[in-house]
Amino acid sequence: MQVGPFPNLVGNVASAVVSAAIFVVVFVLIYIAGKAILLPVVDRSLKSRNLEEHARRPLKKLVSILVVFAAIAVAFGMAGFGNFLQSLATVAAAATLAIGFAMQDVVKNFVAGVFIYTDKPFRIGDWIEWDDQAGIVEDISLRVSRVRTFDNELLTVPNSQLTDGVIKNPVAKDQLRLKFVFGIGYEDDIDTATEIIVEEADAHPEILDDPAPSVRLVELGDSSVGLQSRIWIADPSRADFVKTRAEYVKAVKERFDEEDINIPYPNRTIGGGLELSNVEGLVEPADD
């Protein structure tokens, strides 16, 4: 008696279902076990090395990705789709192909995130400036960084934008130098104005004595003489920077007013004449 193709088809479908079920069960078990056991161990190890949170976070995410790949590879082997190494090579090749063609920007930002982790151009809590943007770094991940602007807007910035250009980190060091140009009139005494600028810097509690404040004549403008003040503050943040500069400039302005030192503004003189044409034949008004 000849057996038809239907029993073979049923057997193949049943085998495929069983293999798929084994794959799912093994994958879930390995994934859950890896997350529950491996991640806490890695986290404790990173903390023991005194790594900060922004540095631990991308490494823990990388470990999570490796757990997923390992779970897929082992599940492939247990389901009868191939041995462990072949499964891992197959998954890695497929992932590489997919990344190469469909996730170029993701890979670019991922690599940039690794560079941010290794080079440490900024950290969470730093005030940074790039292009025409500025703000406080709130989060650094493998793909993006989140920056809170000073208008309380949250910017999600791809990491590649922060590594391809120039990043200014004013708070990376313990001290920050501030510069401000005071304009005085040409008839005012430069030495007196310089003494006032330095005295008010010395009197402000947030301005350092070492390095000492300094003043330089930097420009001879159309209506004023520019004196540039250079002062230093410690442990800077943007709030401290803006507050200190505002208080300092206000104090100098008040002293200038007391000493009758003028802060001129630009003057413009408009000259010329009025010329009339085609006035022949105009009748002048008659005398009364």
Protein backbone atom coordinates (compact mmCIF):
# COMPACT_ATOMS: atom_id res chain seq x y z
CA MET A 1 0.00 0.00 0.00
CA GLN A 2 1.46 3.39 -1.03
CA VAL A 3 1.48 6.15 1.58
CA GLY A 4 0.50 9.60 0.30
CA PRO A 5 2.42 12.84 0.91
CA PHE A 6 -0.04 14.10 3.56
CA PRO A 7 1.44 12.16 6.54
CA ASN A 8 4.92 13.44 5.62
CA LEU A 9 3.63 17.02 5.47
CA VAL A 10 1.99 16.66 8.88
CA GLY A 11 5.20 15.23 10.29
CA ASN A 12 7.28 18.10 8.87
CA VAL A 13 4.88 20.71 10.27
CA ALA A 14 4.86 19.02 13.68
CA SER A 15 8.65 18.87 13.69
CA ALA A 16 8.88 22.56 12.77
CA VAL A 17 6.41 23.50 15.52
CA VAL A 18 8.34 21.48 18.10
CA SER A 19 11.64 23.06 17.01
CA ALA A 20 10.11 26.54 17.14
CA ALA A 21 8.70 25.87 20.61
CA ILE A 22 12.08 24.62 21.83
CA PHE A 23 13.74 27.70 20.36
CA VAL A 24 11.33 30.09 22.09
CA VAL A 25 11.51 28.31 25.46
CA VAL A 26 15.31 28.07 25.46
CA PHE A 27 15.67 31.66 24.32
CA VAL A 28 13.36 33.00 27.04
CA LEU A 29 15.02 30.93 29.77
CA ILE A 30 18.56 31.95 28.80
CA TYR A 31 17.57 35.59 28.34
CA ILE A 32 15.86 35.81 31.73
CA ALA A 33 18.67 33.96 33.48
CA GLY A 34 21.32 36.11 31.81
CA LYS A 35 19.56 39.35 32.76
CA ALA A 36 18.92 38.18 36.32
CA ILE A 37 22.42 36.81 37.00
CA LEU A 38 24.91 38.41 34.63
CA LEU A 39 23.77 42.05 34.75
CA PRO A 40 23.96 42.40 38.56
CA VAL A 41 27.43 40.83 38.52
CA VAL A 42 28.58 43.23 35.80
CA ASP A 43 27.06 46.20 37.61
CA ARG A 44 28.82 45.32 40.88
CA SER A 45 32.07 44.85 39.01
CA LEU A 46 31.79 48.26 37.34
CA LYS A 47 30.90 49.95 40.63
CA SER A 48 33.94 48.35 42.27
CA ARG A 49 36.07 50.10 39.63
CA ASN A 50 34.51 53.46 40.63
CA LEU A 51 32.95 54.05 37.22
CA GLU A 52 30.30 56.76 37.14
CA GLU A 53 26.70 56.11 36.14
CA HIS A 54 27.07 57.58 32.64
CA ALA A 55 29.96 55.16 32.04
CA ARG A 56 28.23 52.08 33.51
CA ARG A 57 24.99 52.54 31.59
CA PRO A 58 26.29 51.91 28.02
CA LEU A 59 28.37 48.95 29.20
CA LYS A 60 25.33 47.34 30.84
CA LYS A 61 23.35 47.86 27.65
CA LEU A 62 26.14 46.21 25.68
CA VAL A 63 26.03 43.22 28.04
CA SER A 64 22.25 43.00 27.50
CA ILE A 65 22.80 42.88 23.74
CA LEU A 66 25.38 40.10 24.16
CA VAL A 67 22.90 38.13 26.30
CA VAL A 68 20.34 38.36 23.50
CA PHE A 69 22.85 37.12 20.92
CA ALA A 70 23.95 34.27 23.18
CA ALA A 71 20.33 33.27 23.87
CA ILE A 72 19.55 33.21 20.14
CA ALA A 73 22.67 31.17 19.36
CA VAL A 74 22.03 28.54 22.08
CA ALA A 75 18.34 28.35 21.18
CA PHE A 76 19.25 27.71 17.55
CA GLY A 77 21.44 24.80 18.57
CA MET A 78 18.92 23.30 21.02
CA ALA A 79 16.15 23.55 18.43
CA GLY A 80 18.19 21.52 15.95
CA PHE A 81 18.90 24.41 13.58
CA GLY A 82 22.68 23.90 13.87
CA ASN A 83 25.42 23.77 16.46
CA PHE A 84 26.32 26.64 18.75
CA LEU A 85 29.19 28.07 16.74
CA GLN A 86 27.34 27.80 13.45
CA SER A 87 24.29 29.42 14.99
CA LEU A 88 26.34 32.24 16.48
CA ALA A 89 28.14 32.80 13.18
CA THR A 90 24.84 32.80 11.30
CA VAL A 91 23.23 35.29 13.66
CA ALA A 92 26.32 37.50 13.67
CA ALA A 93 26.53 37.48 9.88
CA ALA A 94 22.85 38.28 9.52
CA ALA A 95 23.10 41.04 12.10
CA THR A 96 26.18 42.49 10.42
CA LEU A 97 24.45 42.48 7.05
CA ALA A 98 21.34 44.14 8.47
CA ILE A 99 23.38 46.73 10.31
CA GLY A 100 25.51 47.48 7.29
CA PHE A 101 22.57 48.17 4.98
CA ALA A 102 19.77 49.38 7.21
CA MET A 103 21.34 50.78 10.39
CA GLN A 104 24.26 52.90 9.26
CA ASP A 105 23.15 55.91 11.30
CA VAL A 106 22.56 53.73 14.36
CA VAL A 107 26.04 52.24 14.09
CA LYS A 108 27.54 55.69 13.59
CA ASN A 109 25.82 57.00 16.70
CA PHE A 110 26.74 53.83 18.64
CA VAL A 111 30.42 54.25 17.80
CA ALA A 112 30.15 57.93 18.73
CA GLY A 113 28.65 56.90 22.06
CA VAL A 114 31.62 54.60 22.69
CA PHE A 115 33.97 57.51 21.92
CA ILE A 116 32.06 59.73 24.36
CA TYR A 117 32.47 57.00 27.00
CA THR A 118 36.20 56.56 26.39
CA ASP A 119 37.23 60.16 25.67
CA LYS A 120 34.89 61.73 28.28
CA PRO A 121 34.50 65.15 26.61
CA PHE A 122 31.60 65.75 29.01
CA ARG A 123 29.68 64.03 31.80
CA ILE A 124 26.14 64.01 33.11
CA GLY A 125 25.53 67.35 34.79
CA ASP A 126 28.04 69.27 32.64
CA TRP A 127 27.11 72.44 30.82
CA ILE A 128 28.11 72.06 27.15
CA GLU A 129 27.83 74.16 23.99
CA TRP A 130 27.87 72.93 20.38
CA ASP A 131 26.85 74.54 17.10
CA ASP A 132 24.21 77.09 18.20
CA GLN A 133 22.93 75.01 21.14
CA ALA A 134 23.76 74.90 24.83
CA GLY A 135 22.45 73.12 27.90
CA ILE A 136 23.02 70.70 30.78
CA VAL A 137 23.67 67.02 29.98
CA GLU A 138 20.99 64.87 31.63
CA ASP A 139 21.63 61.46 30.05
CA ILE A 140 24.22 59.71 27.87
CA SER A 141 23.26 56.48 26.10
CA LEU A 142 24.85 54.43 23.34
CA ARG A 143 22.87 56.17 20.59
CA VAL A 144 21.80 59.59 21.85
CA SER A 145 22.47 62.11 24.59
CA ARG A 146 19.78 64.21 26.22
CA VAL A 147 20.49 67.84 27.00
CA ARG A 148 18.26 70.23 28.95
CA THR A 149 18.50 73.75 27.53
CA PHE A 150 18.43 76.84 29.70
CA ASP A 151 14.89 77.47 28.42
CA ASN A 152 13.94 74.08 29.98
CA GLU A 153 13.65 72.34 26.61
CA LEU A 154 14.84 68.73 26.35
CA LEU A 155 17.03 68.04 23.32
CA THR A 156 17.64 64.46 22.16
CA VAL A 157 20.92 64.71 20.28
CA PRO A 158 22.43 61.88 18.19
CA ASN A 159 25.86 61.14 19.57
CA SER A 160 27.49 61.59 16.17
CA GLN A 161 26.56 65.29 16.25
CA LEU A 162 28.49 65.64 19.48
CA THR A 163 31.62 63.92 18.19
CA ASP A 164 31.79 65.24 14.61
CA GLY A 165 32.02 68.90 15.64
CA VAL A 166 33.56 71.06 18.34
CA ILE A 167 32.12 70.72 21.84
CA LYS A 168 32.72 73.48 24.37
CA ASN A 169 32.68 72.31 27.99
CA PRO A 170 33.16 75.42 30.16
CA VAL A 171 32.92 73.43 33.40
CA ALA A 172 35.39 70.67 32.54
CA LYS A 173 38.05 72.34 34.68
CA ASP A 174 37.89 73.69 38.22
CA GLN A 175 38.14 77.32 37.13
CA LEU A 176 36.49 79.43 34.42
CA ARG A 177 37.72 82.76 33.07
CA LEU A 178 35.14 85.41 32.26
CA LYS A 179 35.75 88.41 30.00
CA PHE A 180 33.75 91.60 29.68
CA VAL A 181 34.52 94.81 27.77
CA PHE A 182 33.66 98.11 29.48
CA GLY A 183 33.46 101.12 27.17
CA ILE A 184 34.46 104.52 28.56
CA GLY A 185 34.60 107.93 26.95
CA TYR A 186 37.73 109.30 25.30
CA GLU A 187 37.83 112.16 27.81
CA ASP A 188 37.70 109.77 30.83
CA ASP A 189 40.81 108.67 32.70
CA ILE A 190 41.83 105.14 31.73
CA ASP A 191 43.84 104.51 34.91
CA THR A 192 40.93 105.48 37.16
CA ALA A 193 38.53 103.26 35.23
CA THR A 194 41.02 100.38 35.40
CA GLU A 195 41.36 100.74 39.17
CA ILE A 196 37.57 100.65 39.60
CA ILE A 197 37.23 97.53 37.47
CA VAL A 198 39.94 95.70 39.45
CA GLU A 199 38.64 96.90 42.85
CA GLU A 200 35.12 95.64 42.16
CA ALA A 201 36.55 92.29 41.07
CA ASP A 202 38.54 92.05 44.30
CA ALA A 203 35.45 92.94 46.32
CA HIS A 204 33.24 90.21 44.83
CA PRO A 205 33.35 87.01 46.96
CA GLU A 206 32.94 84.64 43.98
CA ILE A 207 35.82 86.10 41.96
CA LEU A 208 39.21 84.54 42.65
CA ASP A 209 42.29 86.45 43.78
CA ASP A 210 44.54 83.86 42.14
CA PRO A 211 44.62 84.13 39.17
CA ALA A 212 44.29 87.84 39.82
CA PRO A 213 41.80 90.01 37.90
CA SER A 214 43.32 91.96 35.04
CA VAL A 215 42.31 94.74 32.63
CA ARG A 216 43.55 95.33 29.09
CA LEU A 217 42.86 98.13 26.65
CA VAL A 218 41.55 96.20 23.65
CA GLU A 219 39.91 98.68 21.30
CA LEU A 220 39.56 102.32 20.30
CA GLY A 221 36.02 102.49 19.00
CA ASP A 222 34.13 105.22 17.21
CA SER A 223 32.72 106.59 20.45
CA SER A 224 34.44 104.70 23.29
CA VAL A 225 37.64 103.19 24.61
CA GLY A 226 37.25 99.44 25.30
CA LEU A 227 38.72 98.07 28.55
CA GLN A 228 38.48 94.26 28.77
CA SER A 229 38.21 92.81 32.25
CA ARG A 230 39.39 89.23 32.83
CA ILE A 231 38.25 87.50 36.00
CA TRP A 232 38.22 83.89 37.25
CA ILE A 233 35.60 81.94 39.19
CA ALA A 234 35.91 78.51 40.87
CA ASP A 235 33.69 75.41 40.44
CA PRO A 236 31.71 77.05 37.66
CA SER A 237 28.20 76.27 36.55
CA ARG A 238 26.18 78.33 34.13
CA ALA A 239 23.99 79.69 36.92
CA ASP A 240 27.07 80.82 38.86
CA PHE A 241 28.64 82.26 35.72
CA VAL A 242 25.62 84.39 34.76
CA LYS A 243 24.94 85.54 38.33
CA THR A 244 28.54 86.45 39.08
CA ARG A 245 29.04 88.34 35.83
CA ALA A 246 25.77 90.27 36.26
CA GLU A 247 26.62 91.32 39.83
CA TYR A 248 30.14 92.31 38.85
CA VAL A 249 29.11 94.38 35.83
CA LYS A 250 26.41 96.11 37.89
CA ALA A 251 28.92 97.02 40.61
CA VAL A 252 31.36 98.48 38.06
CA LYS A 253 28.57 100.49 36.41
CA GLU A 254 27.51 101.96 39.76
CA ARG A 255 31.12 102.94 40.55
CA PHE A 256 31.49 104.54 37.12
CA ASP A 257 28.38 106.62 37.85
CA GLU A 258 29.80 107.71 41.23
CA GLU A 259 33.12 108.72 39.64
CA ASP A 260 31.43 110.46 36.68
CA ILE A 261 33.01 108.05 34.20
CA ASN A 262 30.94 108.08 31.06
CA ILE A 263 29.79 104.93 29.26
CA PRO A 264 29.04 106.45 25.85
CA TYR A 265 26.72 105.16 23.20
CA PRO A 266 27.29 105.58 19.45
CA ASN A 267 26.36 108.97 17.98
CA ARG A 268 25.44 109.52 14.38
CA THR A 269 25.45 112.91 12.66
CA ILE A 270 23.34 113.23 9.54
CA GLY A 271 24.50 115.94 7.13
CA GLY A 272 23.55 117.11 3.65
CA GLY A 273 21.30 119.60 1.98
CA LEU A 274 18.01 119.87 0.15
CA GLU A 275 18.05 120.66 -3.54
CA LEU A 276 14.93 121.62 -5.49
CA SER A 277 14.57 121.25 -9.22
CA ASN A 278 11.95 122.32 -11.75
CA VAL A 279 10.91 125.33 -9.68
CA GLU A 280 10.78 127.79 -12.54
CA GLY A 281 7.40 129.40 -12.96
CA LEU A 282 6.39 128.97 -9.36
CA VAL A 283 4.42 131.99 -8.19
CA GLU A 284 5.63 133.49 -4.97
CA PRO A 285 2.97 134.56 -2.50
CA ALA A 286 2.03 138.24 -2.76
CA ASP A 287 2.99 140.60 -0.01
CA ASP A 288 0.13 141.80 2.13
